Protein backbone atom coordinates (compact mmCIF):
# COMPACT_ATOMS: atom_id res chain seq x y z
CA MET A 1 58.07 112.61 80.04
CA SER A 2 57.39 113.16 83.69
CA ALA A 3 58.39 116.28 85.56
CA GLY A 4 59.04 116.80 89.21
CA ASN A 5 61.14 118.44 91.83
CA SER A 6 63.67 116.90 94.14
CA GLY A 7 61.09 115.71 96.65
CA GLY A 8 63.49 116.87 99.35
CA VAL A 9 66.59 115.36 97.69
CA GLU A 10 69.43 117.83 98.11
CA VAL A 11 72.11 116.21 95.91
CA LEU A 12 71.92 114.13 92.74
CA VAL A 13 74.94 111.87 92.15
CA ALA A 14 75.46 110.64 88.58
CA GLY A 15 77.57 107.49 88.57
CA ALA A 16 77.56 104.57 91.03
CA GLY A 17 81.18 103.50 90.78
CA PRO A 18 83.49 103.84 93.78
CA VAL A 19 83.69 107.63 93.44
CA GLY A 20 79.96 108.30 93.25
CA LEU A 21 79.30 105.78 96.02
CA THR A 22 81.90 107.44 98.25
CA ALA A 23 80.42 110.90 97.70
CA ALA A 24 76.87 109.64 98.25
CA TYR A 25 77.75 107.66 101.38
CA GLU A 26 79.63 110.54 102.98
CA LEU A 27 76.84 112.99 102.19
CA VAL A 28 74.17 110.70 103.63
CA ARG A 29 76.30 110.02 106.72
CA ARG A 30 76.26 113.77 107.29
CA GLY A 31 72.50 114.02 107.08
CA ILE A 32 72.15 115.08 103.42
CA THR A 33 69.43 113.56 101.24
CA VAL A 34 70.86 111.98 98.08
CA ARG A 35 69.69 110.29 94.90
CA ILE A 36 72.28 108.21 93.01
CA VAL A 37 71.75 106.98 89.44
CA ASP A 38 73.82 104.99 86.95
CA ARG A 39 73.15 104.15 83.30
CA ALA A 40 74.48 100.57 83.70
CA ALA A 41 71.90 97.82 84.17
CA GLY A 42 73.52 96.74 87.42
CA PRO A 43 76.77 96.54 89.38
CA ALA A 44 79.98 95.70 87.53
CA VAL A 45 81.16 92.10 87.76
CA THR A 46 84.78 92.42 86.53
CA SER A 47 87.56 93.29 88.94
CA ARG A 48 88.97 96.46 87.28
CA ALA A 49 91.12 98.52 89.73
CA THR A 50 92.71 96.53 92.55
CA ALA A 51 95.36 98.64 94.31
CA THR A 52 94.26 100.58 97.40
CA HIS A 53 97.12 102.67 98.73
CA ALA A 54 97.90 103.80 102.26
CA ARG A 55 96.24 107.24 102.13
CA THR A 56 93.02 105.72 100.86
CA LEU A 57 93.16 103.18 103.70
CA GLU A 58 93.35 106.13 106.10
CA VAL A 59 90.26 107.57 104.41
CA TYR A 60 88.47 104.22 104.74
CA HIS A 61 89.28 104.27 108.47
CA GLN A 62 87.68 107.70 108.77
CA MET A 63 84.66 106.47 106.80
CA GLY A 64 84.28 103.43 109.07
CA ILE A 65 84.55 100.84 106.27
CA LEU A 66 88.19 99.75 106.64
CA PRO A 67 87.51 96.46 108.51
CA ASP A 68 85.14 95.35 105.73
CA LEU A 69 87.87 95.75 103.13
CA LEU A 70 90.87 94.52 105.11
CA ALA A 71 89.07 91.23 105.65
CA ARG A 72 88.69 90.74 101.89
CA GLY A 73 92.01 92.09 100.58
CA GLN A 74 95.60 90.96 100.08
CA LYS A 75 98.32 93.05 101.72
CA CYS A 76 101.32 93.80 99.50
CA ASP A 77 104.51 95.49 100.63
CA HIS A 78 107.11 94.37 98.06
CA PHE A 79 107.90 94.88 94.37
CA THR A 80 110.01 92.05 92.97
CA MET A 81 111.86 92.31 89.64
CA HIS A 82 112.79 89.29 87.51
CA ARG A 83 114.71 88.63 84.30
CA ARG A 84 115.41 85.26 82.63
CA GLY A 85 114.88 83.27 85.80
CA ARG A 86 116.90 85.59 87.99
CA ARG A 87 115.39 87.65 90.76
CA LEU A 88 117.10 90.97 90.25
CA THR A 89 115.86 92.65 93.42
CA SER A 90 112.89 93.00 95.75
CA LEU A 91 112.02 96.52 96.80
CA GLY A 92 110.35 96.83 100.16
CA THR A 93 108.34 99.62 101.74
CA ASP A 94 110.14 102.27 103.75
CA TYR A 95 107.48 104.48 105.36
CA SER A 96 109.90 106.09 107.83
CA GLU A 97 109.39 109.54 106.28
CA LEU A 98 105.64 109.08 105.73
CA PRO A 99 104.20 107.80 109.03
CA THR A 100 100.97 105.87 108.57
CA ARG A 101 99.03 103.24 110.49
CA PHE A 102 98.67 101.27 107.25
CA PRO A 103 102.16 100.73 105.76
CA PHE A 104 101.12 98.59 102.82
CA THR A 105 99.02 98.46 99.66
CA LEU A 106 95.81 96.46 99.86
CA GLN A 107 94.92 94.52 96.71
CA VAL A 108 91.14 94.27 96.66
CA ASP A 109 88.84 94.02 93.63
CA GLN A 110 87.04 97.24 92.76
CA VAL A 111 83.85 95.17 92.54
CA ILE A 112 84.29 94.34 96.25
CA THR A 113 84.98 97.98 97.16
CA GLU A 114 81.77 98.99 95.38
CA GLU A 115 79.82 96.20 97.08
CA VAL A 116 80.96 97.38 100.53
CA LEU A 117 80.03 100.99 99.75
CA ARG A 118 76.63 100.02 98.28
CA THR A 119 75.85 97.90 101.33
CA ARG A 120 76.72 100.73 103.72
CA LEU A 121 74.72 103.20 101.64
CA GLY A 122 71.75 100.83 101.59
CA GLU A 123 71.89 100.53 105.38
CA LEU A 124 71.36 104.30 105.46
CA GLY A 125 68.29 103.95 103.25
CA VAL A 126 69.67 104.88 99.82
CA GLU A 127 69.70 102.41 96.92
CA VAL A 128 71.39 102.89 93.55
CA GLU A 129 68.93 103.45 90.68
CA TRP A 130 70.38 101.29 87.90
CA GLY A 131 69.52 101.82 84.25
CA VAL A 132 68.97 105.56 84.71
CA GLU A 133 71.20 107.93 82.75
CA LEU A 134 71.57 111.68 82.85
CA GLU A 135 70.83 113.02 79.37
CA SER A 136 71.11 116.75 79.94
CA LEU A 137 71.16 119.38 82.65
CA VAL A 138 70.37 123.03 83.23
CA ASP A 139 72.15 124.88 86.04
CA ASP A 140 70.70 128.17 87.25
CA ARG A 141 70.73 130.25 90.42
CA ASN A 142 68.16 127.97 92.07
CA GLY A 143 69.93 124.69 91.44
CA VAL A 144 70.12 121.97 88.79
CA THR A 145 67.39 120.50 86.59
CA ALA A 146 68.50 117.17 85.15
CA ARG A 147 66.78 115.24 82.39
CA LEU A 148 66.95 111.56 83.35
CA ARG A 149 66.17 108.67 81.02
CA ARG A 150 65.42 105.05 81.90
CA VAL A 151 67.54 102.92 79.59
CA ASP A 152 65.15 99.95 79.44
CA ASP A 153 62.04 101.75 78.19
CA GLY A 154 63.27 105.22 77.18
CA THR A 155 60.93 107.10 79.55
CA THR A 156 62.29 110.39 80.85
CA GLU A 157 61.80 112.69 83.78
CA GLU A 158 62.99 116.14 84.71
CA PHE A 159 64.44 116.20 88.20
CA THR A 160 65.29 119.40 90.05
CA THR A 161 67.71 119.44 92.96
CA GLY A 162 70.18 121.74 94.64
CA TRP A 163 73.47 120.18 93.62
CA LEU A 164 74.88 117.64 91.16
CA VAL A 165 77.98 115.45 91.50
CA GLY A 166 79.26 114.08 88.19
CA ALA A 167 81.09 110.84 88.96
CA ASP A 168 80.14 109.26 85.66
CA GLY A 169 83.54 108.24 84.34
CA ALA A 170 85.97 109.22 81.62
CA HIS A 171 83.17 109.74 79.07
CA SER A 172 81.22 111.86 81.57
CA ARG A 173 77.93 113.24 80.28
CA VAL A 174 77.97 115.76 83.12
CA ARG A 175 81.36 117.10 82.04
CA LYS A 176 80.26 117.38 78.41
CA GLN A 177 77.02 119.14 79.40
CA LEU A 178 79.05 121.66 81.40
CA GLY A 179 81.35 122.30 78.42
CA ILE A 180 84.48 121.38 80.38
CA ASP A 181 87.24 119.82 78.28
CA LEU A 182 89.33 116.82 79.31
CA LEU A 183 92.80 117.89 78.19
CA GLY A 184 95.87 115.73 77.65
CA GLU A 185 97.13 112.86 75.57
CA SER A 186 96.67 109.20 74.71
CA SER A 187 99.68 106.98 74.21
CA GLU A 188 100.29 103.24 73.99
CA LYS A 189 98.00 100.24 74.46
CA TRP A 190 98.37 97.54 77.10
CA MET A 191 96.59 94.24 77.68
CA VAL A 192 95.24 93.29 81.08
CA ALA A 193 93.85 89.94 82.18
CA ASP A 194 92.63 88.22 85.33
CA ALA A 195 93.78 84.62 85.54
CA TYR A 196 94.28 81.60 87.76
CA VAL A 197 97.97 80.80 87.51
CA ASP A 198 99.93 77.80 88.75
CA VAL A 199 103.09 79.53 89.97
CA ASP A 200 105.10 79.57 93.19
CA LEU A 201 105.58 83.26 93.96
CA PRO A 202 105.21 85.27 97.19
CA ARG A 203 101.76 86.82 97.29
CA ASP A 204 102.81 89.82 99.39
CA SER A 205 104.57 91.25 96.34
CA LEU A 206 103.96 92.54 92.85
CA HIS A 207 106.16 90.73 90.32
CA TRP A 208 107.64 92.53 87.31
CA MET A 209 109.44 90.68 84.54
CA HIS A 210 111.73 92.15 81.92
CA LEU A 211 111.52 90.03 78.77
CA SER A 212 113.17 89.83 75.37
CA HIS A 213 110.11 91.73 74.12
CA GLY A 214 108.26 93.99 76.54
CA THR A 215 107.44 93.45 80.20
CA ILE A 216 104.87 91.58 82.28
CA LEU A 217 103.44 92.66 85.62
CA MET A 218 101.74 90.21 88.00
CA VAL A 219 99.55 91.51 90.83
CA PRO A 220 98.07 89.11 93.41
CA PHE A 221 94.35 89.00 94.13
CA PRO A 222 93.09 88.03 97.59
CA GLU A 223 91.80 84.78 96.12
CA GLU A 224 94.42 82.04 96.20
CA GLY A 225 95.97 81.37 92.78
CA LYS A 226 94.39 84.39 91.10
CA TRP A 227 96.57 87.11 89.56
CA ARG A 228 96.13 90.28 87.55
CA LEU A 229 98.40 90.05 84.51
CA LEU A 230 99.54 93.05 82.48
CA ASP A 231 101.36 92.88 79.14
CA THR A 232 102.93 96.12 77.91
CA ASP A 233 103.88 94.76 74.46
CA ASP A 234 101.39 92.34 72.86
CA VAL A 235 97.78 93.54 72.71
CA THR A 236 96.37 91.48 69.83
CA ASP A 237 93.91 88.57 69.92
CA GLY A 238 91.96 89.86 72.88
CA ASP A 239 88.97 87.91 71.58
CA ARG A 240 90.92 84.63 71.44
CA PRO A 241 91.46 83.57 75.06
CA GLU A 242 93.50 80.46 74.22
CA VAL A 243 96.00 82.54 72.26
CA VAL A 244 96.25 85.07 75.09
CA ARG A 245 96.58 82.31 77.69
CA ALA A 246 99.42 80.60 75.82
CA ARG A 247 101.19 83.92 75.27
CA PHE A 248 101.10 84.82 78.97
CA GLU A 249 102.36 81.33 79.85
CA ALA A 250 105.33 81.66 77.51
CA LYS A 251 106.24 85.15 78.71
CA MET A 252 106.00 84.39 82.42
CA SER A 253 107.97 81.18 81.92
CA GLU A 254 110.71 83.21 80.23
CA GLY A 255 110.74 85.82 82.96
CA LEU A 256 110.83 83.32 85.84
CA GLY A 257 112.99 80.73 84.13
CA ARG A 258 110.58 77.90 84.88
CA THR A 259 107.31 76.55 83.54
CA VAL A 260 104.25 78.61 84.43
CA THR A 261 100.73 77.37 83.71
CA VAL A 262 97.76 79.69 83.22
CA LYS A 263 94.84 77.47 84.21
CA GLU A 264 92.00 79.87 83.41
CA LEU A 265 91.47 83.39 82.10
CA THR A 266 88.43 85.09 83.65
CA TRP A 267 88.72 88.48 81.98
CA VAL A 268 90.78 90.05 79.17
CA SER A 269 90.82 93.69 78.11
CA VAL A 270 92.93 95.94 75.91
CA PHE A 271 93.03 99.59 76.85
CA THR A 272 94.64 102.78 75.65
CA ILE A 273 96.66 104.66 78.24
CA ARG A 274 95.22 108.14 78.62
CA GLN A 275 96.69 111.00 80.63
CA ARG A 276 94.07 113.74 80.73
CA MET A 277 92.50 116.18 83.19
CA VAL A 278 90.18 119.16 83.46
CA GLU A 279 91.15 122.68 84.46
CA THR A 280 88.27 123.06 86.92
CA MET A 281 86.16 120.56 88.84
CA ARG A 282 83.26 122.90 89.58
CA SER A 283 80.73 124.82 87.52
CA GLY A 284 77.98 126.53 89.49
CA HIS A 285 76.04 123.87 91.39
CA CYS A 286 77.81 121.01 89.58
CA PHE A 287 81.00 119.18 90.52
CA LEU A 288 83.17 116.61 88.78
CA ALA A 289 84.99 113.80 90.56
CA GLY A 290 87.14 110.80 89.67
CA ASP A 291 87.61 109.80 86.02
CA ALA A 292 85.12 112.47 84.98
CA ALA A 293 87.83 114.99 85.96
CA HIS A 294 91.10 113.14 85.38
CA VAL A 295 92.18 109.86 83.80
CA HIS A 296 95.55 108.29 84.52
CA SER A 297 97.72 105.44 83.35
CA PRO A 298 97.07 102.40 85.55
CA ALA A 299 100.81 101.88 86.04
CA SER A 300 100.83 102.86 89.72
CA GLY A 301 97.17 102.28 90.52
CA GLN A 302 96.14 105.90 91.12
CA GLY A 303 92.75 106.19 89.42
CA LEU A 304 90.50 104.62 92.05
CA ASN A 305 92.48 106.10 94.93
CA THR A 306 92.41 109.63 93.56
CA GLY A 307 88.71 109.42 92.73
CA ILE A 308 87.74 108.20 96.19
CA GLN A 309 89.70 111.05 97.72
CA ASP A 310 87.91 113.48 95.36
CA GLY A 311 84.54 112.20 96.55
CA TYR A 312 85.56 112.33 100.20
CA ASN A 313 87.00 115.85 99.89
CA LEU A 314 83.86 117.14 98.19
CA ALA A 315 81.27 115.46 100.40
CA TRP A 316 82.18 116.99 103.74
CA LYS A 317 82.42 120.45 102.21
CA LEU A 318 79.12 120.24 100.35
CA ALA A 319 77.35 118.82 103.40
CA SER A 320 78.69 121.65 105.59
CA VAL A 321 77.34 124.29 103.22
CA ILE A 322 73.94 122.63 102.77
CA LYS A 323 73.52 122.29 106.55
CA GLY A 324 74.46 125.94 107.11
CA GLN A 325 77.58 125.06 109.10
CA ALA A 326 79.82 126.83 106.57
CA ASP A 327 79.41 129.58 104.02
CA GLY A 328 79.53 128.87 100.29
CA GLY A 329 83.14 129.98 100.00
CA LEU A 330 84.15 126.61 101.38
CA LEU A 331 83.15 124.98 98.08
CA GLU A 332 85.72 127.01 96.16
CA SER A 333 88.44 125.01 97.89
CA TYR A 334 87.35 121.74 96.24
CA SER A 335 88.62 122.53 92.76
CA ALA A 336 91.49 124.59 94.17
CA GLU A 337 92.74 121.54 96.07
CA ARG A 338 91.92 118.62 93.80
CA VAL A 339 92.94 119.99 90.37
CA PRO A 340 96.61 120.41 91.45
CA ILE A 341 96.53 116.90 92.94
CA GLY A 342 95.31 115.54 89.61
CA GLU A 343 98.12 117.38 87.84
CA ILE A 344 100.76 115.96 90.19
CA LEU A 345 99.46 112.44 89.68
CA LEU A 346 99.46 112.80 85.89
CA GLY A 347 103.20 113.43 86.16
CA SER A 348 103.89 110.53 88.52
CA THR A 349 101.79 108.04 86.56
CA LYS A 350 103.47 109.06 83.30
CA THR A 351 106.83 108.26 84.91
CA ALA A 352 105.50 104.96 86.25
CA THR A 353 104.24 104.03 82.79
CA ARG A 354 107.70 104.49 81.31
CA LEU A 355 109.29 102.45 84.09
CA ILE A 356 106.82 99.56 83.83
CA ALA A 357 107.07 99.36 80.03
CA LEU A 358 110.87 99.94 80.07
CA ARG A 359 111.44 100.30 76.33
CA ASN A 360 115.08 101.43 76.69
CA ALA A 361 117.20 99.38 74.28
CA ALA A 362 120.08 99.34 76.77
CA ALA A 363 117.94 97.86 79.55
CA PRO A 364 119.14 94.23 79.14
CA VAL A 365 122.67 95.36 80.06
CA LEU A 366 122.00 98.21 82.45
CA LEU A 367 119.14 96.73 84.44
CA PRO A 368 121.01 93.85 86.14
CA VAL A 369 123.97 96.10 86.88
CA GLY A 370 121.89 98.92 88.34
CA LEU A 371 119.71 96.66 90.45
CA GLY A 372 122.75 94.72 91.59
CA LEU A 373 124.20 97.95 92.95
CA LEU A 374 120.93 98.62 94.78
CA ASN A 375 121.17 95.25 96.48
CA VAL A 376 124.64 96.11 97.75
CA LEU A 377 124.12 99.78 98.60
CA LYS A 378 121.36 99.52 101.20
CA PRO A 379 121.07 103.28 101.94
CA LEU A 380 120.58 103.94 98.22
CA LYS A 381 118.00 101.15 98.03
CA HIS A 382 116.03 102.64 100.94
CA LYS A 383 116.17 106.03 99.24
CA VAL A 384 114.69 104.52 96.06
CA GLU A 385 111.98 102.77 98.11
CA ARG A 386 111.06 106.03 99.84
CA LYS A 387 110.91 107.87 96.50
CA ILE A 388 108.59 105.24 95.01
CA LEU A 389 106.31 105.44 98.04
CA ARG A 390 106.13 109.22 97.85
CA GLY A 391 104.80 108.97 94.32
CA MET A 392 102.50 106.00 94.86
CA SER A 393 101.08 105.87 98.39
CA GLY A 394 99.27 109.24 98.38
CA LEU A 395 100.81 110.03 101.77
CA ALA A 396 103.07 112.79 100.47
CA LEU A 397 100.21 114.75 98.89
CA HIS A 398 99.30 117.83 100.87
CA TYR A 399 97.18 120.98 100.85
CA ARG A 400 99.79 123.50 101.96
CA ALA A 401 98.76 125.87 99.15
CA SER A 402 95.02 125.45 99.81
CA PRO A 403 92.86 128.48 100.58
CA LEU A 404 91.84 126.57 103.72
CA THR A 405 95.40 126.32 105.03
CA VAL A 406 96.49 128.99 107.48
CA GLY A 407 100.23 129.36 108.06
CA ALA A 408 101.71 130.09 111.45
CA PRO A 409 105.13 131.03 112.86
CA GLY A 410 107.24 127.92 113.36
CA SER A 411 105.18 125.82 110.96
CA GLY A 412 107.15 126.57 107.82
CA ASP A 413 110.09 124.88 106.14
CA ASP A 414 112.26 125.29 109.26
CA ALA A 415 110.02 122.87 111.19
CA PRO A 416 111.38 119.43 112.15
CA ALA A 417 111.32 117.00 109.21
CA LEU A 418 108.55 114.79 110.59
CA ALA A 419 106.51 117.57 112.20
CA ILE A 420 102.94 117.94 110.98
CA ARG A 421 102.61 121.26 109.20
CA PRO A 422 99.48 123.12 108.05
CA GLY A 423 98.24 121.35 104.93
CA ASP A 424 99.70 117.95 105.92
CA ARG A 425 97.90 114.78 106.97
CA VAL A 426 97.44 114.23 110.69
CA SER A 427 98.76 110.72 111.15
CA CYS A 428 101.18 108.55 113.08
CA SER A 429 102.92 105.23 112.57
CA ALA A 430 101.42 101.92 113.63
CA GLU A 431 104.10 101.68 116.34
CA GLU A 432 103.28 105.14 117.70
CA LEU A 433 99.59 104.29 117.73
CA GLU A 434 100.23 101.17 119.78
CA ASP A 435 102.44 102.94 122.32
CA SER A 436 100.62 106.28 122.70
CA PRO A 437 97.18 106.65 124.34
CA GLY A 438 97.17 110.22 123.06
CA TRP A 439 97.51 109.14 119.45
CA GLN A 440 94.89 106.47 119.97
CA GLU A 441 92.45 109.22 120.96
CA VAL A 442 93.49 111.44 118.06
CA CYS A 443 92.91 108.60 115.56
CA ASP A 444 89.49 107.99 117.10
CA GLU A 445 88.84 111.71 116.76
CA LEU A 446 89.59 111.48 113.03
CA THR A 447 86.46 109.36 112.61
CA ASP A 448 84.33 112.29 113.88
CA LEU A 449 82.43 113.97 111.05
CA ARG A 450 83.33 117.43 112.34
CA TRP A 451 86.40 119.66 112.36
CA THR A 452 88.63 119.10 115.41
CA LEU A 453 90.28 121.83 117.48
CA LEU A 454 93.11 120.48 119.65
CA VAL A 455 93.92 122.94 122.43
CA PHE A 456 97.34 122.42 124.04
CA ALA A 457 96.73 124.18 127.33
CA GLY A 458 99.50 122.76 129.49
CA SER A 459 98.61 122.70 133.17
CA GLY A 460 96.98 126.12 133.20
CA ASP A 461 93.38 127.17 132.82
CA VAL A 462 91.77 127.04 129.42
CA PRO A 463 90.86 130.51 128.09
CA ALA A 464 87.16 131.32 128.21
CA ALA A 465 87.20 131.81 124.42
CA VAL A 466 87.80 128.08 123.98
CA GLY A 467 84.58 127.36 125.83
CA ARG A 468 82.76 129.89 123.67
CA VAL A 469 83.80 128.32 120.36
CA HIS A 470 82.93 124.90 121.79
CA GLU A 471 79.43 126.18 122.50
CA GLU A 472 78.91 128.21 119.35
CA TYR A 473 80.45 125.85 116.78
CA GLY A 474 79.76 122.51 118.43
CA ASP A 475 77.63 121.15 115.58
CA ALA A 476 80.58 121.51 113.21
CA LEU A 477 83.56 121.45 115.59
CA SER A 478 84.87 119.02 118.21
CA VAL A 479 87.04 120.83 120.77
CA ARG A 480 89.53 118.70 122.74
CA VAL A 481 91.79 120.07 125.47
CA VAL A 482 95.08 118.16 125.33
CA ARG A 483 96.73 117.53 128.70
CA GLU A 484 99.36 115.08 129.89
CA THR A 485 97.05 113.67 132.55
CA GLN A 486 93.33 113.60 133.21
CA PRO A 487 92.32 116.22 135.82
CA THR A 488 91.33 114.62 139.13
CA ASP A 489 88.48 117.09 139.61
CA SER A 490 86.28 117.39 136.54
CA GLY A 491 84.28 120.16 138.22
CA GLY A 492 81.45 120.00 135.74
CA ALA A 493 83.82 119.93 132.77
CA GLU A 494 81.50 117.54 131.01
CA ALA A 495 79.57 120.58 129.80
CA GLY A 496 82.71 122.02 128.19
CA PRO A 497 85.43 120.64 125.93
CA ARG A 498 86.57 117.11 126.74
CA VAL A 499 90.13 116.37 127.78
CA LEU A 500 92.37 114.35 125.46
CA CYS A 501 95.05 112.63 127.55
CA ASP A 502 98.54 112.81 126.01
CA PRO A 503 101.04 111.07 128.35
CA GLY A 504 104.59 112.10 127.50
CA ARG A 505 103.31 114.90 125.23
CA ARG A 506 103.72 112.65 122.19
CA VAL A 507 100.84 114.20 120.28
CA ARG A 508 101.93 117.71 121.06
CA ARG A 509 105.50 117.04 119.91
CA ALA A 510 104.20 115.80 116.55
CA PHE A 511 102.97 119.29 115.65
CA ALA A 512 105.51 121.85 114.48
CA GLY A 513 106.38 124.80 116.69
CA GLU A 514 104.75 123.61 119.94
CA PRO A 515 101.44 125.26 119.06
CA GLY A 516 98.75 126.41 121.44
CA TYR A 517 96.13 124.96 119.08
CA ALA A 518 95.86 122.72 116.04
CA LEU A 519 92.79 122.93 113.78
CA VAL A 520 92.15 119.67 111.89
CA ARG A 521 89.76 119.39 108.97
CA PRO A 522 87.07 116.69 108.75
CA ASP A 523 89.22 114.82 106.22
CA GLY A 524 92.17 114.63 108.61
CA TYR A 525 94.41 117.37 107.19
CA LEU A 526 95.83 120.08 109.42
CA ALA A 527 94.35 123.46 108.55
CA ALA A 528 96.11 125.71 111.05
CA LEU A 529 98.54 125.93 113.95
CA GLY A 530 99.04 128.88 116.26
CA PRO A 531 99.67 130.20 119.74
CA LEU A 532 96.61 130.06 121.97
CA GLY A 533 97.12 133.24 123.96
CA ASP A 534 93.79 134.39 125.35
CA GLY A 535 91.98 132.44 122.61
CA GLU A 536 90.22 135.51 121.23
CA GLY A 537 91.48 134.84 117.72
CA LEU A 538 89.80 131.45 117.47
CA ASP A 539 86.51 132.82 116.21
CA ALA A 540 88.31 134.72 113.42
CA LEU A 541 90.25 131.57 112.54
CA LEU A 542 87.08 129.50 112.21
CA ARG A 543 85.47 132.16 110.04
CA ARG A 544 88.67 132.22 107.95
CA VAL A 545 87.99 128.57 107.04
CA HIS A 546 84.32 129.46 106.36
CA LEU A 547 82.71 127.96 109.47
CA LEU A 548 79.60 129.65 110.84
CA PRO A 549 78.62 129.71 114.52
CA ALA A 550 75.49 127.67 115.09
CA ARG A 551 73.72 130.33 117.11
CA ARG A 552 73.88 132.78 114.18
CA SER A 553 73.79 130.40 111.20
CA THR A 554 70.79 129.77 109.01
CA ALA A 555 70.64 126.82 106.67
CA ALA A 556 71.54 127.84 103.13
CA PRO A 557 68.89 127.14 100.51
CA ALA A 558 69.60 123.81 98.84
CA GLY A 559 70.42 125.49 95.56
CA SER A 560 72.42 128.41 96.87
CA ALA A 561 75.83 128.70 95.25
CA GLU A 562 76.85 131.56 97.46
């Protein structure tokens, strides 16, 4: 056994899947030193999760990796339902109540997502240590001491660092070492396969088939001719690919009413649907993220998306505390925000599981009738589409009950339906982005690693207090003065907050209650709205969300939990 300290490493990440890679990348981008280990011998080679929903695409934009993934993914914006050769309906995507610049689901192999994240992390000087597993840990007031073992030769080391992120999957060693239970249930088994299929179907859609026995779901991969196949009924013979291939051929041929040929199976797996979660995602200096904290049915593709948003949520908060830009109370908001999200998604994925499997004996009669009505009653169909998107896209999830969310007059339930309220995402539609220079600047601002304070000052002078918070919190806060036009005389304004031009006041109108300021978190959620007045309350507001002024802050010890 070897023993040592962190060597300056501030955070140890256990698990190099998409969640651990996201957390590590975001920490390193913010100047935090990270070590990331994984017990596997190397990167995964099977596709696994494929669906990347709209909210995660917004996160990828903020992370700066979206172009890498868009170029290698397949956009999907339909869900087509078939039975005995008849197309029953095709549900589209109605994002009118959930404005986003990315109104689609991107189908991209998890192995590609991990490759992109590893490449970006490597460019910042951090490589994954494969074949290294966390055996045990001790958490005390000074930080975490982890016992690490190299899988190939069994040698061990004791590694001491300030913080530990457990992103090591559903069988998480970190979670077990912390004594945190994964509570919930296991239900039915499904079979999943990746295959090259000779079939003429639109590739911008998922295809669901109701059969005489069970259901089949087909999901397109970016690669031409390749599909993810899911069977909710037959799960036997997983080790006999020819049997599985013939069975999928027969079932898809029944559902589509024409001959379908499965040319090649590249992967087959049988899995048990589990719906489980923890009651807390933090213990001392240790955090859980992704499947280590919650496991979902794959029916609506939430696992990868939720885990990446866990890692993103945690990373900016942990980095802020380590760098002394925020006090330790900020970290309490991680579990307070993400545990309820996990609970909501357990409910929505349980519903999606029932709908995909559709074991109702009356379905053969009721399904064509019900979907036929949807095709005729367009308003009802759009309502169904919007409801599905609310449960699947991640765009409806909010932090209105978060300890970081500060309410304000005019920002409550009486606000306009599409107004951005404290706790909501700050986002616009693709059309609004194209037409509004103000929103273009706001979306650029969302890629800043800091908090953003939008100050709606009208044509008058900006209160001196705005300049003070710009000076005192500048390392952690970007202050933008929103005006309809750029002042003709900058008068040395380059030393103060920059102007964000908002022709037609389109950005300002998007926020409820015509606020004097809007405080936006580093992850793009609105923390607070309020009247500007003389600006003297801004310092108290920033302290309320745990920010510390740079001139009086001192970097917290790496292991400080306070």
